[in-house]
Amino acid sequence: MTNAGNYKYSEITEQIIEAFYKGCNALGYGFLEEVYENALFIELVAMGLFVEKQKLIKVYYQGKEVGEYFADLIVDGCVIVELKAAESLCKGHEFQLII
């Protein structure tokens, strides 16, 4: 195993990546994000994980609500998955990444 074992949610993220590749390899390229989201949802649930789709998350700044965000998938209540069906990532996509 790589350094992934050092990260808090490495086991869940490894399962997410496995499920992603399984779905993408079966479906191939060219579909809208929703198709891949639904396939990933099916794979993750089959793995026994709790998955929520298009979950509303309220965003707060200094104790005040400043907006809302819809997470594509939330896995086991701790990992947000944001899917992108694009030929390449642009800066706008990169800003959505949470490290």
Protein backbone atom coordinates (compact mmCIF):
# COMPACT_ATOMS: atom_id res chain seq x y z
CA MET A 1 0.00 0.00 0.00
CA THR A 2 1.16 3.56 -0.69
CA ASN A 3 1.03 6.49 1.69
CA ALA A 4 -2.76 6.39 1.28
CA GLY A 5 -2.85 4.38 4.50
CA ASN A 6 -1.74 7.50 6.36
CA TYR A 7 -4.85 9.47 5.43
CA LYS A 8 -7.99 9.51 7.55
CA TYR A 9 -10.42 8.21 4.93
CA SER A 10 -8.06 6.23 2.73
CA GLU A 11 -10.08 2.98 2.93
CA ILE A 12 -13.26 4.72 1.75
CA THR A 13 -11.48 6.66 -0.98
CA GLU A 14 -9.86 3.46 -2.26
CA GLN A 15 -13.33 1.88 -2.51
CA ILE A 16 -14.65 4.97 -4.32
CA ILE A 17 -11.79 4.81 -6.84
CA GLU A 18 -12.35 1.07 -7.37
CA ALA A 19 -16.09 1.64 -7.95
CA PHE A 20 -15.35 4.56 -10.30
CA TYR A 21 -13.07 2.47 -12.51
CA LYS A 22 -15.50 -0.44 -12.53
CA GLY A 23 -18.34 1.79 -13.74
CA CYS A 24 -16.26 3.77 -16.24
CA ASN A 25 -14.71 0.65 -17.74
CA ALA A 26 -18.15 -0.86 -18.21
CA LEU A 27 -19.81 2.29 -19.60
CA GLY A 28 -16.97 3.80 -21.62
CA TYR A 29 -16.72 7.48 -22.51
CA GLY A 30 -19.15 10.08 -23.74
CA PHE A 31 -22.01 10.14 -21.25
CA LEU A 32 -23.24 13.03 -19.13
CA GLU A 33 -22.18 13.26 -15.49
CA GLU A 34 -25.54 11.96 -14.27
CA VAL A 35 -24.97 8.58 -15.95
CA TYR A 36 -21.60 8.12 -14.24
CA GLU A 37 -23.03 9.40 -10.94
CA ASN A 38 -25.82 6.81 -11.06
CA ALA A 39 -23.38 4.01 -11.92
CA LEU A 40 -21.01 5.04 -9.14
CA PHE A 41 -23.92 5.20 -6.70
CA ILE A 42 -24.93 1.62 -7.63
CA GLU A 43 -21.36 0.33 -7.22
CA LEU A 44 -20.79 2.04 -3.87
CA VAL A 45 -24.09 0.82 -2.42
CA ALA A 46 -23.23 -2.71 -3.63
CA MET A 47 -19.98 -2.38 -1.63
CA GLY A 48 -22.05 -1.74 1.49
CA LEU A 49 -21.35 1.98 1.75
CA PHE A 50 -23.97 4.57 2.72
CA VAL A 51 -24.30 7.03 -0.18
CA GLU A 52 -26.36 10.19 -0.52
CA LYS A 53 -26.96 11.78 -3.95
CA GLN A 54 -27.30 15.50 -4.66
CA LYS A 55 -27.25 16.33 -0.95
CA LEU A 56 -27.83 19.95 -0.02
CA ILE A 57 -25.06 21.40 2.14
CA LYS A 58 -25.48 24.84 3.68
CA VAL A 59 -22.28 26.90 3.62
CA TYR A 60 -21.44 29.16 6.56
CA TYR A 61 -18.90 31.93 6.93
CA GLN A 62 -18.25 33.50 10.34
CA GLY A 63 -21.39 31.86 11.65
CA LYS A 64 -23.63 33.20 8.90
CA GLU A 65 -25.13 31.22 6.03
CA VAL A 66 -23.59 32.44 2.77
CA GLY A 67 -24.94 29.90 0.31
CA GLU A 68 -25.79 26.36 -0.56
CA TYR A 69 -23.91 23.59 -2.33
CA PHE A 70 -25.24 20.36 -3.79
CA ALA A 71 -22.72 17.54 -3.38
CA ASP A 72 -22.90 14.98 -6.20
CA LEU A 73 -22.32 12.13 -3.74
CA ILE A 74 -21.50 11.92 -0.05
CA VAL A 75 -20.06 8.56 0.97
CA ASP A 76 -20.44 7.31 4.55
CA GLY A 77 -21.12 10.87 5.67
CA CYS A 78 -17.48 11.89 5.36
CA VAL A 79 -16.26 11.94 1.73
CA ILE A 80 -17.72 14.29 -0.88
CA VAL A 81 -17.46 13.09 -4.48
CA GLU A 82 -17.75 15.73 -7.21
CA LEU A 83 -18.03 14.14 -10.65
CA LYS A 84 -16.91 15.79 -13.87
CA ALA A 85 -17.55 14.38 -17.32
CA ALA A 86 -15.14 16.44 -19.41
CA GLU A 87 -12.24 15.95 -21.77
CA SER A 88 -9.99 17.86 -19.36
CA LEU A 89 -10.30 19.83 -16.14
CA CYS A 90 -10.39 23.61 -16.26
CA LYS A 91 -9.57 26.07 -13.45
CA GLY A 92 -13.25 26.22 -12.44
CA HIS A 93 -13.23 22.47 -11.82
CA GLU A 94 -10.03 22.71 -9.80
CA PHE A 95 -11.60 25.30 -7.49
CA GLN A 96 -14.25 22.72 -6.54
CA LEU A 97 -11.65 20.30 -5.21
CA ILE A 98 -11.40 19.98 -1.45
CA ILE A 99 -8.16 18.74 -0.01
